[in-house]
């Protein structure tokens, strides 16, 4: 084995140590129904395997959305050798304003997700309209929980104030009726 292959294998093992046993098994033995590109994962060049491991470790911290992973398969005509590499999506660190939280929130996200969020009307609208199962990110799920709890509290306060307003209206009506009855 060459030095590059040994280095790549050691780097892969180092990154796999951060994974839980279930994540490591899923990474080493991909299941074709869950991942249609499972056979490509096993044929990745060593550097791409390292990039894939890093990407999978960071995926739950990134607002990923529907951005697909792209695998590039190159076939060299002279040697008949096939190389599979990974095209890393463009991930940016972006600050978006939350109207509910009234502050800027710094998020790592793909450029495609940034366009999608802006198209939906902003961060709050995206988080409120998107079901939790579609978020696929721990950061966005936590933000959604905060925003939903603030909205629910505001709705409850509005309901209580309206109810108190109705009670005050009834009291005022009763008082005016009593005054009219006395006269």
N, C-alpha and C. Protein backbone atom coordinates (compact mmCIF):
# COMPACT_ATOMS: atom_id res chain seq x y z
N UNK A 1 0.84 -1.19 0.00
CA UNK A 1 0.00 0.00 0.00
C UNK A 1 0.88 1.24 0.00
N UNK A 2 0.41 2.26 -0.71
CA UNK A 2 1.20 3.48 -0.77
C UNK A 2 0.98 4.31 0.49
N UNK A 3 1.84 5.30 0.68
CA UNK A 3 1.74 6.16 1.86
C UNK A 3 0.45 6.98 1.84
N UNK A 4 0.03 7.41 0.65
CA UNK A 4 -1.20 8.21 0.56
C UNK A 4 -2.41 7.39 0.99
N UNK A 5 -2.48 6.15 0.56
CA UNK A 5 -3.62 5.30 0.92
C UNK A 5 -3.62 5.02 2.42
N UNK A 6 -2.43 4.76 3.00
CA UNK A 6 -2.35 4.54 4.45
C UNK A 6 -2.78 5.79 5.21
N UNK A 7 -2.32 6.96 4.76
CA UNK A 7 -2.70 8.21 5.40
C UNK A 7 -4.21 8.42 5.32
N UNK A 8 -4.78 8.16 4.15
CA UNK A 8 -6.22 8.35 3.97
C UNK A 8 -7.00 7.39 4.86
N UNK A 9 -6.56 6.14 4.94
CA UNK A 9 -7.26 5.16 5.78
C UNK A 9 -7.19 5.57 7.25
N UNK A 10 -6.04 6.07 7.71
CA UNK A 10 -5.91 6.52 9.10
C UNK A 10 -6.78 7.74 9.36
N UNK A 11 -6.86 8.65 8.39
CA UNK A 11 -7.70 9.84 8.55
C UNK A 11 -9.17 9.45 8.61
N UNK A 12 -9.56 8.47 7.81
CA UNK A 12 -10.95 8.00 7.84
C UNK A 12 -11.25 7.38 9.20
N UNK A 13 -10.34 6.56 9.70
CA UNK A 13 -10.55 5.94 11.01
C UNK A 13 -10.65 7.00 12.11
N UNK A 14 -9.85 8.06 12.00
CA UNK A 14 -9.89 9.13 12.99
C UNK A 14 -11.26 9.81 12.98
N UNK A 15 -11.82 10.07 11.81
CA UNK A 15 -13.13 10.69 11.72
C UNK A 15 -14.24 9.74 12.15
N UNK A 16 -14.04 8.46 11.91
CA UNK A 16 -15.07 7.50 12.31
C UNK A 16 -15.14 7.36 13.83
N UNK A 17 -14.06 7.69 14.52
CA UNK A 17 -14.08 7.59 15.99
C UNK A 17 -15.08 8.56 16.59
N UNK A 18 -15.41 9.66 15.89
CA UNK A 18 -16.38 10.62 16.40
C UNK A 18 -17.82 10.16 16.22
N UNK A 19 -18.02 9.16 15.37
CA UNK A 19 -19.37 8.66 15.12
C UNK A 19 -19.80 7.67 16.19
N UNK A 20 -21.09 7.59 16.43
CA UNK A 20 -21.60 6.55 17.31
C UNK A 20 -21.50 5.22 16.57
N UNK A 21 -21.56 4.09 17.28
CA UNK A 21 -21.47 2.80 16.58
C UNK A 21 -22.54 2.62 15.50
N UNK A 22 -23.75 3.12 15.76
CA UNK A 22 -24.81 2.98 14.76
C UNK A 22 -24.50 3.83 13.52
N UNK A 23 -23.98 5.05 13.74
CA UNK A 23 -23.63 5.91 12.61
C UNK A 23 -22.46 5.31 11.82
N UNK A 24 -21.49 4.74 12.54
CA UNK A 24 -20.34 4.13 11.87
C UNK A 24 -20.78 2.95 11.02
N UNK A 25 -21.68 2.12 11.57
CA UNK A 25 -22.16 0.97 10.81
C UNK A 25 -22.91 1.44 9.56
N UNK A 26 -23.73 2.46 9.73
CA UNK A 26 -24.50 2.98 8.59
C UNK A 26 -23.58 3.57 7.54
N UNK A 27 -22.45 4.17 7.98
CA UNK A 27 -21.53 4.77 7.04
C UNK A 27 -20.72 3.70 6.31
N UNK A 28 -20.29 2.67 7.04
CA UNK A 28 -19.46 1.63 6.45
C UNK A 28 -20.29 0.65 5.63
N UNK A 29 -21.56 0.41 6.03
CA UNK A 29 -22.43 -0.54 5.34
C UNK A 29 -23.71 0.16 4.91
N UNK A 30 -23.65 0.99 3.90
CA UNK A 30 -24.85 1.73 3.52
C UNK A 30 -25.96 0.80 3.03
N UNK A 31 -27.18 1.17 3.37
CA UNK A 31 -28.34 0.37 3.01
C UNK A 31 -28.94 0.92 1.72
N UNK A 32 -28.97 0.16 0.64
CA UNK A 32 -29.45 0.69 -0.64
C UNK A 32 -30.85 1.30 -0.61
N UNK A 33 -31.86 0.76 0.11
CA UNK A 33 -33.15 1.45 0.09
C UNK A 33 -33.10 2.84 0.71
N UNK A 34 -32.27 3.02 1.74
CA UNK A 34 -32.16 4.34 2.38
C UNK A 34 -31.31 5.29 1.55
N UNK A 35 -30.28 4.74 0.93
CA UNK A 35 -29.35 5.55 0.16
C UNK A 35 -29.20 4.96 -1.23
N UNK A 36 -29.79 5.58 -2.23
CA UNK A 36 -29.70 5.02 -3.57
C UNK A 36 -28.27 5.02 -4.13
N UNK A 37 -27.39 5.84 -3.54
CA UNK A 37 -26.01 5.93 -4.02
C UNK A 37 -25.07 5.10 -3.16
N UNK A 38 -25.55 4.01 -2.56
CA UNK A 38 -24.75 3.22 -1.64
C UNK A 38 -23.53 2.60 -2.31
N UNK A 39 -23.70 2.09 -3.52
CA UNK A 39 -22.54 1.48 -4.18
C UNK A 39 -21.48 2.52 -4.52
N UNK A 40 -21.87 3.77 -4.72
CA UNK A 40 -20.89 4.82 -4.99
C UNK A 40 -20.09 5.15 -3.74
N UNK A 41 -20.72 5.09 -2.57
CA UNK A 41 -20.02 5.39 -1.32
C UNK A 41 -18.86 4.42 -1.10
N UNK A 42 -19.05 3.18 -1.46
CA UNK A 42 -17.99 2.19 -1.25
C UNK A 42 -16.85 2.36 -2.24
N UNK A 43 -17.12 3.01 -3.38
CA UNK A 43 -16.10 3.18 -4.41
C UNK A 43 -15.44 4.56 -4.39
N UNK A 44 -15.74 5.38 -3.38
CA UNK A 44 -15.16 6.72 -3.31
C UNK A 44 -13.65 6.65 -3.17
N UNK A 45 -12.97 7.63 -3.77
CA UNK A 45 -11.53 7.72 -3.58
C UNK A 45 -11.27 8.12 -2.13
N UNK A 46 -10.10 7.81 -1.57
CA UNK A 46 -9.85 8.05 -0.13
C UNK A 46 -10.08 9.49 0.34
N UNK A 47 -9.66 10.47 -0.45
CA UNK A 47 -9.85 11.86 -0.04
C UNK A 47 -11.34 12.19 0.02
N UNK A 48 -12.11 11.67 -0.92
CA UNK A 48 -13.55 11.90 -0.93
C UNK A 48 -14.21 11.20 0.25
N UNK A 49 -13.67 10.07 0.69
CA UNK A 49 -14.21 9.39 1.87
C UNK A 49 -14.04 10.25 3.11
N UNK A 50 -12.90 10.92 3.21
CA UNK A 50 -12.65 11.82 4.35
C UNK A 50 -13.63 13.00 4.29
N UNK A 51 -13.80 13.59 3.11
CA UNK A 51 -14.73 14.71 2.96
C UNK A 51 -16.16 14.27 3.30
N UNK A 52 -16.52 13.08 2.87
CA UNK A 52 -17.87 12.57 3.15
C UNK A 52 -18.06 12.37 4.65
N UNK A 53 -17.05 11.83 5.34
CA UNK A 53 -17.15 11.64 6.79
C UNK A 53 -17.30 12.98 7.50
N UNK A 54 -16.52 13.99 7.10
CA UNK A 54 -16.63 15.32 7.70
C UNK A 54 -18.00 15.94 7.44
N UNK A 55 -18.49 15.76 6.23
CA UNK A 55 -19.79 16.30 5.85
C UNK A 55 -20.91 15.67 6.67
N UNK A 56 -20.85 14.37 6.90
CA UNK A 56 -21.88 13.68 7.67
C UNK A 56 -21.83 14.08 9.15
N UNK A 57 -20.64 14.39 9.67
CA UNK A 57 -20.53 14.85 11.05
C UNK A 57 -21.14 16.24 11.21
N UNK A 58 -21.04 17.06 10.18
CA UNK A 58 -21.50 18.44 10.25
C UNK A 58 -22.94 18.61 9.76
N UNK A 59 -23.53 17.57 9.17
CA UNK A 59 -24.82 17.71 8.50
C UNK A 59 -25.95 18.12 9.44
N UNK A 60 -25.97 17.63 10.68
CA UNK A 60 -27.04 17.98 11.63
C UNK A 60 -26.90 19.40 12.16
N UNK A 61 -25.71 20.00 12.02
CA UNK A 61 -25.49 21.37 12.48
C UNK A 61 -25.74 22.40 11.37
N UNK A 62 -25.98 21.92 10.16
CA UNK A 62 -26.13 22.77 9.00
C UNK A 62 -27.57 22.73 8.52
N UNK A 63 -28.11 23.89 8.14
CA UNK A 63 -29.44 23.93 7.53
C UNK A 63 -29.26 23.45 6.10
N UNK A 64 -29.57 22.19 5.88
CA UNK A 64 -29.23 21.49 4.65
C UNK A 64 -30.36 21.55 3.63
N UNK A 65 -31.58 21.27 4.07
CA UNK A 65 -32.72 21.30 3.16
C UNK A 65 -32.71 20.15 2.17
N UNK A 66 -33.01 20.46 0.92
CA UNK A 66 -33.11 19.44 -0.12
C UNK A 66 -31.90 19.43 -1.03
N UNK A 67 -30.79 20.01 -0.60
CA UNK A 67 -29.60 20.04 -1.43
C UNK A 67 -29.04 18.63 -1.56
N UNK A 68 -28.94 18.11 -2.78
CA UNK A 68 -28.48 16.73 -2.93
C UNK A 68 -26.96 16.61 -2.87
N UNK A 69 -26.48 15.44 -2.49
CA UNK A 69 -25.06 15.13 -2.59
C UNK A 69 -24.80 14.69 -4.02
N UNK A 70 -23.77 15.23 -4.63
CA UNK A 70 -23.47 14.91 -6.02
C UNK A 70 -22.17 14.10 -6.06
N UNK A 71 -22.26 12.94 -6.69
CA UNK A 71 -21.09 12.10 -6.88
C UNK A 71 -20.66 12.20 -8.34
N UNK A 72 -19.36 12.37 -8.54
CA UNK A 72 -18.82 12.48 -9.89
C UNK A 72 -18.10 11.16 -10.21
N UNK A 73 -18.51 10.52 -11.28
CA UNK A 73 -17.88 9.28 -11.71
C UNK A 73 -17.12 9.57 -13.00
N UNK A 74 -15.80 9.36 -12.94
CA UNK A 74 -14.96 9.61 -14.12
C UNK A 74 -14.40 8.28 -14.61
N UNK A 75 -14.51 8.05 -15.89
CA UNK A 75 -13.98 6.85 -16.51
C UNK A 75 -12.84 7.27 -17.43
N UNK A 76 -11.64 6.79 -17.14
CA UNK A 76 -10.47 7.11 -17.94
C UNK A 76 -10.36 6.08 -19.06
N UNK A 77 -10.37 6.57 -20.30
CA UNK A 77 -10.40 5.67 -21.46
C UNK A 77 -9.11 4.87 -21.61
N UNK A 78 -7.98 5.50 -21.38
CA UNK A 78 -6.70 4.83 -21.61
C UNK A 78 -6.49 3.67 -20.63
N UNK A 79 -6.76 3.89 -19.36
CA UNK A 79 -6.51 2.86 -18.35
C UNK A 79 -7.76 2.08 -17.97
N UNK A 80 -8.90 2.50 -18.47
CA UNK A 80 -10.19 1.88 -18.13
C UNK A 80 -10.47 1.93 -16.62
N UNK A 81 -9.84 2.90 -15.95
CA UNK A 81 -10.02 3.06 -14.51
C UNK A 81 -11.19 3.99 -14.25
N UNK A 82 -11.94 3.69 -13.20
CA UNK A 82 -13.09 4.51 -12.83
C UNK A 82 -12.83 5.11 -11.45
N UNK A 83 -13.01 6.43 -11.35
CA UNK A 83 -12.82 7.10 -10.07
C UNK A 83 -14.11 7.79 -9.67
N UNK A 84 -14.50 7.60 -8.42
CA UNK A 84 -15.72 8.23 -7.91
C UNK A 84 -15.28 9.28 -6.89
N UNK A 85 -15.71 10.52 -7.12
CA UNK A 85 -15.39 11.58 -6.18
C UNK A 85 -16.69 12.26 -5.74
N UNK A 86 -16.58 13.12 -4.75
CA UNK A 86 -17.73 13.79 -4.15
C UNK A 86 -17.64 15.28 -4.41
N UNK A 87 -18.75 15.87 -4.85
CA UNK A 87 -18.83 17.33 -5.05
C UNK A 87 -19.47 17.91 -3.79
N UNK A 88 -18.69 18.66 -3.04
CA UNK A 88 -19.15 19.23 -1.78
C UNK A 88 -20.09 20.41 -2.08
N UNK A 89 -21.28 20.43 -1.45
CA UNK A 89 -22.17 21.57 -1.67
C UNK A 89 -21.60 22.85 -1.06
N UNK A 90 -22.02 23.97 -1.60
CA UNK A 90 -21.54 25.27 -1.16
C UNK A 90 -22.25 25.65 0.15
N UNK A 91 -21.53 25.55 1.26
CA UNK A 91 -22.09 25.86 2.58
C UNK A 91 -21.52 27.21 3.03
N UNK A 92 -22.42 28.12 3.37
CA UNK A 92 -22.04 29.47 3.79
C UNK A 92 -22.51 29.72 5.22
N UNK A 93 -21.81 30.60 5.91
CA UNK A 93 -22.23 31.05 7.23
C UNK A 93 -22.98 32.37 7.03
N UNK A 94 -24.30 32.34 7.29
CA UNK A 94 -25.17 33.47 6.96
C UNK A 94 -25.92 33.92 8.22
N UNK A 95 -26.06 35.22 8.39
CA UNK A 95 -26.85 35.77 9.48
C UNK A 95 -28.20 36.20 8.94
N UNK A 96 -29.28 35.67 9.52
CA UNK A 96 -30.64 36.01 9.12
C UNK A 96 -31.35 36.64 10.31
N UNK A 97 -32.24 37.59 10.03
CA UNK A 97 -32.97 38.27 11.09
C UNK A 97 -34.26 37.52 11.40
N UNK A 98 -34.49 37.27 12.68
CA UNK A 98 -35.74 36.66 13.13
C UNK A 98 -36.62 37.75 13.72
N UNK A 99 -37.80 37.95 13.13
CA UNK A 99 -38.70 38.99 13.63
C UNK A 99 -39.29 38.59 14.97
N UNK A 100 -39.49 37.31 15.20
CA UNK A 100 -40.06 36.85 16.46
C UNK A 100 -39.06 37.00 17.59
N UNK A 101 -37.81 36.57 17.36
CA UNK A 101 -36.78 36.66 18.39
C UNK A 101 -36.14 38.05 18.46
N UNK A 102 -36.39 38.86 17.42
CA UNK A 102 -35.88 40.24 17.33
C UNK A 102 -34.36 40.31 17.43
N UNK A 103 -33.69 39.42 16.69
CA UNK A 103 -32.23 39.43 16.65
C UNK A 103 -31.73 38.69 15.42
N UNK A 104 -30.46 38.91 15.11
CA UNK A 104 -29.82 38.21 14.00
C UNK A 104 -29.38 36.83 14.49
N UNK A 105 -29.57 35.83 13.64
CA UNK A 105 -29.20 34.46 13.98
C UNK A 105 -28.21 33.98 12.93
N UNK A 106 -27.04 33.53 13.38
CA UNK A 106 -26.00 33.06 12.47
C UNK A 106 -26.19 31.57 12.24
N UNK A 107 -26.33 31.18 10.98
CA UNK A 107 -26.56 29.79 10.61
C UNK A 107 -25.61 29.37 9.49
N UNK A 108 -25.20 28.12 9.51
CA UNK A 108 -24.48 27.53 8.38
C UNK A 108 -25.52 26.87 7.51
N UNK A 109 -25.55 27.23 6.23
CA UNK A 109 -26.55 26.66 5.34
C UNK A 109 -26.04 26.63 3.91
N UNK A 110 -26.68 25.80 3.12
CA UNK A 110 -26.34 25.76 1.71
C UNK A 110 -26.96 26.98 1.03
N UNK A 111 -26.37 27.36 -0.08
CA UNK A 111 -26.85 28.54 -0.81
C UNK A 111 -28.28 28.29 -1.30
N UNK A 112 -28.57 27.06 -1.71
CA UNK A 112 -29.91 26.72 -2.17
C UNK A 112 -30.95 26.94 -1.05
N UNK A 113 -30.59 26.59 0.18
CA UNK A 113 -31.51 26.79 1.31
C UNK A 113 -31.69 28.28 1.61
N UNK A 114 -30.64 29.05 1.45
CA UNK A 114 -30.76 30.51 1.67
C UNK A 114 -31.77 31.10 0.70
N UNK A 115 -31.70 30.70 -0.57
CA UNK A 115 -32.67 31.18 -1.56
C UNK A 115 -34.08 30.73 -1.21
N UNK A 116 -34.20 29.48 -0.75
CA UNK A 116 -35.51 28.92 -0.41
C UNK A 116 -36.13 29.68 0.77
N UNK A 117 -35.32 29.97 1.79
CA UNK A 117 -35.81 30.68 2.98
C UNK A 117 -36.25 32.10 2.59
N UNK A 118 -35.44 32.78 1.79
CA UNK A 118 -35.81 34.13 1.36
C UNK A 118 -37.06 34.11 0.50
N UNK A 119 -37.23 33.07 -0.31
CA UNK A 119 -38.41 32.94 -1.15
C UNK A 119 -39.68 32.70 -0.35
N UNK A 120 -39.55 32.06 0.83
CA UNK A 120 -40.72 31.80 1.66
C UNK A 120 -41.09 33.01 2.51
N UNK A 121 -40.25 34.03 2.54
CA UNK A 121 -40.60 35.23 3.28
C UNK A 121 -39.76 35.46 4.52
N UNK A 122 -38.69 34.73 4.68
CA UNK A 122 -37.81 34.94 5.83
C UNK A 122 -37.69 33.71 6.71
N UNK A 123 -36.82 33.83 7.69
CA UNK A 123 -36.51 32.69 8.56
C UNK A 123 -37.72 32.24 9.37
N UNK A 124 -38.46 33.18 9.95
CA UNK A 124 -39.62 32.81 10.78
C UNK A 124 -40.67 32.08 9.97
N UNK A 125 -40.99 32.59 8.79
CA UNK A 125 -42.00 31.97 7.94
C UNK A 125 -41.56 30.56 7.53
N UNK A 126 -40.29 30.42 7.18
CA UNK A 126 -39.78 29.10 6.79
C UNK A 126 -39.91 28.10 7.94
N UNK A 127 -39.49 28.51 9.14
CA UNK A 127 -39.53 27.59 10.28
C UNK A 127 -40.96 27.28 10.71
N UNK A 128 -41.88 28.23 10.60
CA UNK A 128 -43.26 27.98 11.00
C UNK A 128 -44.01 27.12 9.99
N UNK A 129 -43.73 27.28 8.70
CA UNK A 129 -44.46 26.56 7.67
C UNK A 129 -43.90 25.17 7.38
N UNK A 130 -42.64 24.94 7.69
CA UNK A 130 -42.01 23.66 7.38
C UNK A 130 -42.21 22.69 8.53
N UNK A 131 -42.69 21.48 8.26
CA UNK A 131 -42.83 20.49 9.34
C UNK A 131 -41.46 20.09 9.88
N UNK A 132 -41.44 19.69 11.14
CA UNK A 132 -40.18 19.36 11.81
C UNK A 132 -39.46 18.21 11.12
N UNK A 133 -40.20 17.27 10.56
CA UNK A 133 -39.58 16.13 9.88
C UNK A 133 -38.83 16.55 8.62
N UNK A 134 -39.18 17.70 8.05
CA UNK A 134 -38.53 18.16 6.83
C UNK A 134 -37.32 19.05 7.10
N UNK A 135 -37.14 19.49 8.35
CA UNK A 135 -36.03 20.40 8.65
C UNK A 135 -34.68 19.70 8.59
N UNK A 136 -34.57 18.49 9.10
CA UNK A 136 -33.36 17.66 9.01
C UNK A 136 -32.14 18.34 9.63
N UNK A 137 -32.34 19.18 10.63
CA UNK A 137 -31.23 19.88 11.26
C UNK A 137 -31.58 20.15 12.72
N UNK A 138 -30.63 19.89 13.61
CA UNK A 138 -30.86 20.14 15.03
C UNK A 138 -31.00 21.63 15.31
N UNK A 139 -30.21 22.44 14.63
CA UNK A 139 -30.23 23.88 14.84
C UNK A 139 -31.58 24.47 14.43
N UNK A 140 -32.07 24.09 13.26
CA UNK A 140 -33.34 24.65 12.80
C UNK A 140 -34.51 24.11 13.62
N UNK A 141 -34.41 22.87 14.10
CA UNK A 141 -35.48 22.33 14.96
C UNK A 141 -35.54 23.09 16.28
N UNK A 142 -34.38 23.40 16.86
CA UNK A 142 -34.35 24.16 18.11
C UNK A 142 -34.90 25.57 17.91
N UNK A 143 -34.53 26.22 16.81
CA UNK A 143 -35.06 27.55 16.51
C UNK A 143 -36.56 27.51 16.30
N UNK A 144 -37.03 26.48 15.62
CA UNK A 144 -38.47 26.34 15.38
C UNK A 144 -39.21 26.20 16.71
N UNK A 145 -38.64 25.43 17.62
CA UNK A 145 -39.27 25.25 18.93
C UNK A 145 -39.37 26.58 19.67
N UNK A 146 -38.29 27.37 19.66
CA UNK A 146 -38.30 28.68 20.33
C UNK A 146 -39.37 29.60 19.72
N UNK A 147 -39.39 29.67 18.39
CA UNK A 147 -40.33 30.55 17.71
C UNK A 147 -41.77 30.09 17.93
N UNK A 148 -42.01 28.78 17.87
CA UNK A 148 -43.36 28.26 18.09
C UNK A 148 -43.83 28.55 19.51
N UNK A 149 -42.94 28.40 20.50
CA UNK A 149 -43.34 28.66 21.88
C UNK A 149 -43.66 30.15 22.09
N UNK A 150 -42.92 31.03 21.46
CA UNK A 150 -43.21 32.47 21.56
C UNK A 150 -44.55 32.78 20.90
N UNK A 151 -44.80 32.19 19.73
CA UNK A 151 -46.08 32.42 19.04
C UNK A 151 -47.25 31.87 19.85
N UNK A 152 -47.09 30.69 20.44
CA UNK A 152 -48.18 30.11 21.24
C UNK A 152 -48.46 30.96 22.48
N UNK A 153 -47.40 31.49 23.11
CA UNK A 153 -47.60 32.34 24.27
C UNK A 153 -48.32 33.63 23.88
N UNK A 154 -47.95 34.19 22.73
CA UNK A 154 -48.60 35.42 22.25
C UNK A 154 -50.08 35.16 21.93
N UNK A 155 -50.37 34.01 21.32
CA UNK A 155 -51.77 33.67 21.02
C UNK A 155 -52.58 33.48 22.30
N UNK A 156 -51.96 32.84 23.30
CA UNK A 156 -52.65 32.64 24.58
C UNK A 156 -52.92 33.98 25.26
N UNK A 157 -51.91 34.86 25.27
CA UNK A 157 -52.10 36.19 25.87
C UNK A 157 -53.20 36.97 25.16
N UNK A 158 -53.24 36.86 23.83
CA UNK A 158 -54.28 37.54 23.06
C UNK A 158 -55.66 36.98 23.42
N UNK A 159 -55.75 35.66 23.53
CA UNK A 159 -57.02 35.01 23.87
C UNK A 159 -57.49 35.45 25.26
N UNK A 160 -56.54 35.48 26.23
CA UNK A 160 -56.88 35.91 27.59
C UNK A 160 -57.34 37.36 27.59
N UNK A 161 -56.63 38.22 26.87
CA UNK A 161 -57.02 39.64 26.85
C UNK A 161 -58.38 39.82 26.17
N UNK A 162 -58.65 39.05 25.13
CA UNK A 162 -59.96 39.14 24.48
C UNK A 162 -61.05 38.65 25.41
N UNK A 163 -60.77 37.57 26.14
CA UNK A 163 -61.76 37.05 27.08
C UNK A 163 -62.04 38.06 28.18
N UNK A 164 -60.97 38.69 28.71
CA UNK A 164 -61.16 39.73 29.73
C UNK A 164 -61.91 40.91 29.15
N UNK A 165 -61.64 41.23 27.88
CA UNK A 165 -62.35 42.32 27.22
C UNK A 165 -63.84 42.00 27.09
N UNK A 166 -64.17 40.75 26.78
CA UNK A 166 -65.58 40.34 26.69
C UNK A 166 -66.23 40.44 28.06
N UNK A 167 -65.53 40.00 29.10
CA UNK A 167 -66.07 40.11 30.46
C UNK A 167 -66.31 41.57 30.84
N UNK A 168 -65.38 42.46 30.49
CA UNK A 168 -65.55 43.88 30.80
C UNK A 168 -66.75 44.45 30.02
N UNK A 169 -66.89 44.04 28.76
CA UNK A 169 -68.04 44.50 27.96
C UNK A 169 -69.35 44.04 28.60
N UNK A 170 -69.40 42.79 29.07
CA UNK A 170 -70.61 42.27 29.71
C UNK A 170 -70.92 43.04 30.99
N UNK A 171 -69.87 43.35 31.78
CA UNK A 171 -70.09 44.11 33.01
C UNK A 171 -70.63 45.50 32.69
N UNK A 172 -70.04 46.14 31.69
CA UNK A 172 -70.50 47.47 31.31
C UNK A 172 -71.94 47.43 30.81
N UNK A 173 -72.28 46.39 30.02
CA UNK A 173 -73.66 46.25 29.56
C UNK A 173 -74.61 46.05 30.73
N UNK A 174 -74.21 45.23 31.69
CA UNK A 174 -75.05 44.97 32.86
C UNK A 174 -75.23 46.24 33.68
N UNK A 175 -74.14 47.01 33.83
CA UNK A 175 -74.24 48.25 34.59
C UNK A 175 -75.16 49.24 33.89
N UNK A 176 -75.05 49.36 32.58
CA UNK A 176 -75.95 50.28 31.87
C UNK A 176 -77.40 49.81 31.95
N UNK A 177 -77.61 48.50 31.92
CA UNK A 177 -78.97 47.97 32.04
C UNK A 177 -79.53 48.28 33.43
N UNK A 178 -78.67 48.16 34.45
CA UNK A 178 -79.10 48.44 35.82
C UNK A 178 -79.45 49.93 35.96
N UNK A 179 -78.64 50.78 35.37
CA UNK A 179 -78.91 52.22 35.43
C UNK A 179 -80.23 52.55 34.74
N UNK A 180 -80.46 51.93 33.60
CA UNK A 180 -81.69 52.18 32.87
C UNK A 180 -82.90 51.66 33.67
N UNK A 181 -82.73 50.54 34.34
CA UNK A 181 -83.82 49.96 35.12
C UNK A 181 -84.14 50.85 36.33
N UNK A 182 -83.13 51.51 36.91
CA UNK A 182 -83.36 52.37 38.07
C UNK A 182 -84.05 53.65 37.67
N UNK A 183 -83.84 54.11 36.50
CA UNK A 183 -84.42 55.38 36.07
C UNK A 183 -85.83 55.22 35.67
